[in-house]
Amino acid sequence: MPFINKGVNQDVGYRIDLLVENKVIIEVKSIENLAPVHYAQTLTYLRLSGLKLALLINFNRKI
């Protein structure tokens, strides 16, 4: 995902895992527990993209 600030393209390395129909961001993790930084990362993607919907999914949690 490009980050453009005041018309200048910044190469900061934001990488969305999946973008569905240019409407839904899907951020996939496989860790024991989600940390606040993972929620912040997903919210940053929402702010930068202007989208309103994201899913943060952790596949490593046992039920």
PDB file of N, CA and C in Angstrom:
ATOM      1  N   MET A   1       0.848  -1.168   0.000  1.00  0.00           N
ATOM      2  CA  MET A   1       0.000   0.000   0.000  1.00  0.00           C
ATOM      3  C   MET A   1       0.894   1.232   0.000  1.00  0.00           C
ATOM      4  N   PRO A   2       0.718   2.093  -0.961  1.00  0.00           N
ATOM      5  CA  PRO A   2       1.548   3.300  -0.975  1.00  0.00           C
ATOM      6  C   PRO A   2       1.117   4.269   0.116  1.00  0.00           C
ATOM      7  N   PHE A   3       2.075   4.983   0.643  1.00  0.00           N
ATOM      8  CA  PHE A   3       1.800   6.035   1.621  1.00  0.00           C
ATOM      9  C   PHE A   3       2.213   7.348   0.975  1.00  0.00           C
ATOM     10  N   ILE A   4       1.235   8.184   0.671  1.00  0.00           N
ATOM     11  CA  ILE A   4       1.500   9.445  -0.008  1.00  0.00           C
ATOM     12  C   ILE A   4       1.217  10.576   0.964  1.00  0.00           C
ATOM     13  N   ASN A   5       2.243  11.381   1.233  1.00  0.00           N
ATOM     14  CA  ASN A   5       2.135  12.487   2.173  1.00  0.00           C
ATOM     15  C   ASN A   5       2.471  13.777   1.439  1.00  0.00           C
ATOM     16  N   LYS A   6       1.507  14.694   1.361  1.00  0.00           N
ATOM     17  CA  LYS A   6       1.678  15.977   0.677  1.00  0.00           C
ATOM     18  C   LYS A   6       2.160  15.784  -0.759  1.00  0.00           C
ATOM     19  N   GLY A   7       1.598  14.782  -1.429  1.00  0.00           N
ATOM     20  CA  GLY A   7       1.918  14.522  -2.815  1.00  0.00           C
ATOM     21  C   GLY A   7       3.212  13.765  -3.057  1.00  0.00           C
ATOM     22  N   VAL A   8       3.916  13.405  -1.983  1.00  0.00           N
ATOM     23  CA  VAL A   8       5.180  12.685  -2.111  1.00  0.00           C
ATOM     24  C   VAL A   8       4.967  11.237  -1.704  1.00  0.00           C
ATOM     25  N   ASN A   9       5.325  10.309  -2.590  1.00  0.00           N
ATOM     26  CA  ASN A   9       5.189   8.886  -2.305  1.00  0.00           C
ATOM     27  C   ASN A   9       6.315   8.449  -1.363  1.00  0.00           C
ATOM     28  N   GLN A  10       5.947   8.023  -0.163  1.00  0.00           N
ATOM     29  CA  GLN A  10       6.907   7.576   0.838  1.00  0.00           C
ATOM     30  C   GLN A  10       7.026   6.059   0.771  1.00  0.00           C
ATOM     31  N   ASP A  11       8.231   5.538   0.720  1.00  0.00           N
ATOM     32  CA  ASP A  11       8.432   4.094   0.694  1.00  0.00           C
ATOM     33  C   ASP A  11       8.639   3.605   2.129  1.00  0.00           C
ATOM     34  N   VAL A  12       7.526   3.307   2.814  1.00  0.00           N
ATOM     35  CA  VAL A  12       7.596   2.898   4.215  1.00  0.00           C
ATOM     36  C   VAL A  12       7.295   1.420   4.410  1.00  0.00           C
ATOM     37  N   GLY A  13       6.919   0.724   3.365  1.00  0.00           N
ATOM     38  CA  GLY A  13       6.777  -0.723   3.436  1.00  0.00           C
ATOM     39  C   GLY A  13       5.507  -1.250   4.070  1.00  0.00           C
ATOM     40  N   TYR A  14       4.402  -0.519   3.978  1.00  0.00           N
ATOM     41  CA  TYR A  14       3.138  -1.059   4.468  1.00  0.00           C
ATOM     42  C   TYR A  14       2.648  -2.119   3.484  1.00  0.00           C
ATOM     43  N   ARG A  15       2.349  -3.299   3.998  1.00  0.00           N
ATOM     44  CA  ARG A  15       1.914  -4.396   3.131  1.00  0.00           C
ATOM     45  C   ARG A  15       0.656  -5.052   3.707  1.00  0.00           C
ATOM     46  N   ILE A  16      -0.440  -4.859   3.018  1.00  0.00           N
ATOM     47  CA  ILE A  16      -1.698  -5.494   3.402  1.00  0.00           C
ATOM     48  C   ILE A  16      -1.634  -6.957   2.972  1.00  0.00           C
ATOM     49  N   ASP A  17      -2.074  -7.862   3.836  1.00  0.00           N
ATOM     50  CA  ASP A  17      -2.058  -9.282   3.477  1.00  0.00           C
ATOM     51  C   ASP A  17      -3.034  -9.569   2.334  1.00  0.00           C
ATOM     52  N   LEU A  18      -4.288  -9.165   2.491  1.00  0.00           N
ATOM     53  CA  LEU A  18      -5.292  -9.365   1.442  1.00  0.00           C
ATOM     54  C   LEU A  18      -6.187  -8.139   1.344  1.00  0.00           C
ATOM     55  N   LEU A  19      -6.545  -7.792   0.131  1.00  0.00           N
ATOM     56  CA  LEU A  19      -7.511  -6.728  -0.107  1.00  0.00           C
ATOM     57  C   LEU A  19      -8.588  -7.325  -1.006  1.00  0.00           C
ATOM     58  N   VAL A  20      -9.815  -7.375  -0.511  1.00  0.00           N
ATOM     59  CA  VAL A  20     -10.909  -8.029  -1.221  1.00  0.00           C
ATOM     60  C   VAL A  20     -11.814  -6.970  -1.851  1.00  0.00           C
ATOM     61  N   GLU A  21     -11.914  -7.018  -3.184  1.00  0.00           N
ATOM     62  CA  GLU A  21     -12.811  -6.138  -3.940  1.00  0.00           C
ATOM     63  C   GLU A  21     -12.586  -4.651  -3.629  1.00  0.00           C
ATOM     64  N   ASN A  22     -11.371  -4.286  -3.247  1.00  0.00           N
ATOM     65  CA  ASN A  22     -11.057  -2.904  -2.855  1.00  0.00           C
ATOM     66  C   ASN A  22     -12.002  -2.377  -1.780  1.00  0.00           C
ATOM     67  N   LYS A  23     -12.493  -3.285  -0.916  1.00  0.00           N
ATOM     68  CA  LYS A  23     -13.438  -2.900   0.128  1.00  0.00           C
ATOM     69  C   LYS A  23     -13.046  -3.402   1.506  1.00  0.00           C
ATOM     70  N   VAL A  24     -12.419  -4.577   1.588  1.00  0.00           N
ATOM     71  CA  VAL A  24     -12.140  -5.215   2.877  1.00  0.00           C
ATOM     72  C   VAL A  24     -10.656  -5.566   2.973  1.00  0.00           C
ATOM     73  N   ILE A  25     -10.026  -5.093   4.041  1.00  0.00           N
ATOM     74  CA  ILE A  25      -8.639  -5.457   4.330  1.00  0.00           C
ATOM     75  C   ILE A  25      -8.661  -6.676   5.227  1.00  0.00           C
ATOM     76  N   ILE A  26      -7.872  -7.680   4.884  1.00  0.00           N
ATOM     77  CA  ILE A  26      -7.749  -8.861   5.731  1.00  0.00           C
ATOM     78  C   ILE A  26      -6.293  -8.980   6.154  1.00  0.00           C
ATOM     79  N   GLU A  27      -6.074  -8.888   7.444  1.00  0.00           N
ATOM     80  CA  GLU A  27      -4.730  -9.011   8.017  1.00  0.00           C
ATOM     81  C   GLU A  27      -4.657 -10.360   8.731  1.00  0.00           C
ATOM     82  N   VAL A  28      -3.742 -11.208   8.298  1.00  0.00           N
ATOM     83  CA  VAL A  28      -3.642 -12.576   8.795  1.00  0.00           C
ATOM     84  C   VAL A  28      -2.415 -12.713   9.689  1.00  0.00           C
ATOM     85  N   LYS A  29      -2.608 -13.330  10.850  1.00  0.00           N
ATOM     86  CA  LYS A  29      -1.521 -13.606  11.784  1.00  0.00           C
ATOM     87  C   LYS A  29      -1.545 -15.081  12.150  1.00  0.00           C
ATOM     88  N   SER A  30      -0.418 -15.567  12.603  1.00  0.00           N
ATOM     89  CA  SER A  30      -0.325 -16.916  13.146  1.00  0.00           C
ATOM     90  C   SER A  30       0.603 -16.854  14.351  1.00  0.00           C
ATOM     91  N   ILE A  31       0.074 -16.298  15.427  1.00  0.00           N
ATOM     92  CA  ILE A  31       0.843 -16.099  16.653  1.00  0.00           C
ATOM     93  C   ILE A  31       0.002 -16.564  17.839  1.00  0.00           C
ATOM     94  N   GLU A  32       0.655 -16.741  18.985  1.00  0.00           N
ATOM     95  CA  GLU A  32      -0.066 -17.268  20.143  1.00  0.00           C
ATOM     96  C   GLU A  32      -1.168 -16.326  20.611  1.00  0.00           C
ATOM     97  N   ASN A  33      -0.848 -15.047  20.731  1.00  0.00           N
ATOM     98  CA  ASN A  33      -1.838 -14.054  21.164  1.00  0.00           C
ATOM     99  C   ASN A  33      -1.638 -12.767  20.379  1.00  0.00           C
ATOM    100  N   LEU A  34      -2.734 -12.133  20.018  1.00  0.00           N
ATOM    101  CA  LEU A  34      -2.647 -10.839  19.364  1.00  0.00           C
ATOM    102  C   LEU A  34      -2.241  -9.785  20.390  1.00  0.00           C
ATOM    103  N   ALA A  35      -1.390  -8.869  19.971  1.00  0.00           N
ATOM    104  CA  ALA A  35      -0.925  -7.776  20.833  1.00  0.00           C
ATOM    105  C   ALA A  35      -1.547  -6.467  20.341  1.00  0.00           C
ATOM    106  N   PRO A  36      -1.530  -5.443  21.176  1.00  0.00           N
ATOM    107  CA  PRO A  36      -2.078  -4.147  20.751  1.00  0.00           C
ATOM    108  C   PRO A  36      -1.460  -3.614  19.454  1.00  0.00           C
ATOM    109  N   VAL A  37      -0.214  -3.942  19.200  1.00  0.00           N
ATOM    110  CA  VAL A  37       0.436  -3.471  17.973  1.00  0.00           C
ATOM    111  C   VAL A  37      -0.229  -4.046  16.729  1.00  0.00           C
ATOM    112  N   HIS A  38      -0.793  -5.228  16.813  1.00  0.00           N
ATOM    113  CA  HIS A  38      -1.475  -5.832  15.665  1.00  0.00           C
ATOM    114  C   HIS A  38      -2.778  -5.099  15.346  1.00  0.00           C
ATOM    115  N   TYR A  39      -3.494  -4.683  16.382  1.00  0.00           N
ATOM    116  CA  TYR A  39      -4.709  -3.897  16.182  1.00  0.00           C
ATOM    117  C   TYR A  39      -4.348  -2.528  15.593  1.00  0.00           C
ATOM    118  N   ALA A  40      -3.279  -1.932  16.121  1.00  0.00           N
ATOM    119  CA  ALA A  40      -2.826  -0.630  15.623  1.00  0.00           C
ATOM    120  C   ALA A  40      -2.415  -0.712  14.158  1.00  0.00           C
ATOM    121  N   GLN A  41      -1.748  -1.791  13.785  1.00  0.00           N
ATOM    122  CA  GLN A  41      -1.336  -1.995  12.398  1.00  0.00           C
ATOM    123  C   GLN A  41      -2.560  -2.042  11.489  1.00  0.00           C
ATOM    124  N   THR A  42      -3.570  -2.770  11.885  1.00  0.00           N
ATOM    125  CA  THR A  42      -4.791  -2.889  11.083  1.00  0.00           C
ATOM    126  C   THR A  42      -5.505  -1.543  10.982  1.00  0.00           C
ATOM    127  N   LEU A  43      -5.565  -0.808  12.087  1.00  0.00           N
ATOM    128  CA  LEU A  43      -6.192   0.513  12.054  1.00  0.00           C
ATOM    129  C   LEU A  43      -5.421   1.481  11.166  1.00  0.00           C
ATOM    130  N   THR A  44      -4.102   1.370  11.153  1.00  0.00           N
ATOM    131  CA  THR A  44      -3.279   2.200  10.274  1.00  0.00           C
ATOM    132  C   THR A  44      -3.606   1.913   8.817  1.00  0.00           C
ATOM    133  N   TYR A  45      -3.748   0.643   8.467  1.00  0.00           N
ATOM    134  CA  TYR A  45      -4.114   0.281   7.100  1.00  0.00           C
ATOM    135  C   TYR A  45      -5.469   0.880   6.728  1.00  0.00           C
ATOM    136  N   LEU A  46      -6.415   0.862   7.659  1.00  0.00           N
ATOM    137  CA  LEU A  46      -7.727   1.451   7.390  1.00  0.00           C
ATOM    138  C   LEU A  46      -7.605   2.947   7.145  1.00  0.00           C
ATOM    139  N   ARG A  47      -6.863   3.641   8.005  1.00  0.00           N
ATOM    140  CA  ARG A  47      -6.710   5.083   7.851  1.00  0.00           C
ATOM    141  C   ARG A  47      -6.035   5.447   6.533  1.00  0.00           C
ATOM    142  N   LEU A  48      -4.960   4.746   6.196  1.00  0.00           N
ATOM    143  CA  LEU A  48      -4.207   5.073   4.991  1.00  0.00           C
ATOM    144  C   LEU A  48      -4.980   4.749   3.710  1.00  0.00           C
ATOM    145  N   SER A  49      -5.811   3.709   3.764  1.00  0.00           N
ATOM    146  CA  SER A  49      -6.547   3.300   2.571  1.00  0.00           C
ATOM    147  C   SER A  49      -7.862   4.054   2.404  1.00  0.00           C
ATOM    148  N   GLY A  50      -8.387   4.588   3.502  1.00  0.00           N
ATOM    149  CA  GLY A  50      -9.695   5.230   3.443  1.00  0.00           C
ATOM    150  C   GLY A  50     -10.840   4.245   3.475  1.00  0.00           C
ATOM    151  N   LEU A  51     -10.523   2.973   3.691  1.00  0.00           N
ATOM    152  CA  LEU A  51     -11.567   1.948   3.776  1.00  0.00           C
ATOM    153  C   LEU A  51     -12.177   1.935   5.173  1.00  0.00           C
ATOM    154  N   LYS A  52     -13.299   1.232   5.318  1.00  0.00           N
ATOM    155  CA  LYS A  52     -14.012   1.209   6.593  1.00  0.00           C
ATOM    156  C   LYS A  52     -14.096  -0.166   7.231  1.00  0.00           C
ATOM    157  N   LEU A  53     -13.629  -1.202   6.535  1.00  0.00           N
ATOM    158  CA  LEU A  53     -13.798  -2.551   7.055  1.00  0.00           C
ATOM    159  C   LEU A  53     -12.494  -3.340   6.951  1.00  0.00           C
ATOM    160  N   ALA A  54     -12.133  -3.982   8.074  1.00  0.00           N
ATOM    161  CA  ALA A  54     -10.945  -4.841   8.092  1.00  0.00           C
ATOM    162  C   ALA A  54     -11.206  -6.022   9.018  1.00  0.00           C
ATOM    163  N   LEU A  55     -10.559  -7.134   8.706  1.00  0.00           N
ATOM    164  CA  LEU A  55     -10.607  -8.318   9.552  1.00  0.00           C
ATOM    165  C   LEU A  55      -9.186  -8.641   9.986  1.00  0.00           C
ATOM    166  N   LEU A  56      -8.997  -8.828  11.283  1.00  0.00           N
ATOM    167  CA  LEU A  56      -7.716  -9.260  11.837  1.00  0.00           C
ATOM    168  C   LEU A  56      -7.929 -10.685  12.314  1.00  0.00           C
ATOM    169  N   ILE A  57      -7.295 -11.636  11.633  1.00  0.00           N
ATOM    170  CA  ILE A  57      -7.545 -13.052  11.894  1.00  0.00           C
ATOM    171  C   ILE A  57      -6.268 -13.721  12.376  1.00  0.00           C
ATOM    172  N   ASN A  58      -6.373 -14.435  13.503  1.00  0.00           N
ATOM    173  CA  ASN A  58      -5.248 -15.170  14.055  1.00  0.00           C
ATOM    174  C   ASN A  58      -5.535 -16.667  13.905  1.00  0.00           C
ATOM    175  N   PHE A  59      -4.701 -17.362  13.144  1.00  0.00           N
ATOM    176  CA  PHE A  59      -4.913 -18.783  12.893  1.00  0.00           C
ATOM    177  C   PHE A  59      -4.183 -19.703  13.863  1.00  0.00           C
ATOM    178  N   ASN A  60      -3.499 -19.159  14.843  1.00  0.00           N
ATOM    179  CA  ASN A  60      -2.711 -20.002  15.733  1.00  0.00           C
ATOM    180  C   ASN A  60      -3.389 -20.240  17.080  1.00  0.00           C
ATOM    181  N   ARG A  61      -4.485 -19.633  17.339  1.00  0.00           N
ATOM    182  CA  ARG A  61      -5.159 -19.769  18.623  1.00  0.00           C
ATOM    183  C   ARG A  61      -5.933 -21.067  18.682  1.00  0.00           C
ATOM    184  N   LYS A  62      -5.644 -21.898  19.702  1.00  0.00           N
ATOM    185  CA  LYS A  62      -6.379 -23.155  19.869  1.00  0.00           C
ATOM    186  C   LYS A  62      -7.642 -22.918  20.675  1.00  0.00           C
ATOM    187  N   ILE A  63      -8.701 -23.604  20.273  1.00  0.00           N
ATOM    188  CA  ILE A  63      -9.993 -23.451  20.976  1.00  0.00           C
ATOM    189  C   ILE A  63     -10.257 -24.684  21.815  1.00  0.00           C
TER     190      ILE A  63
END
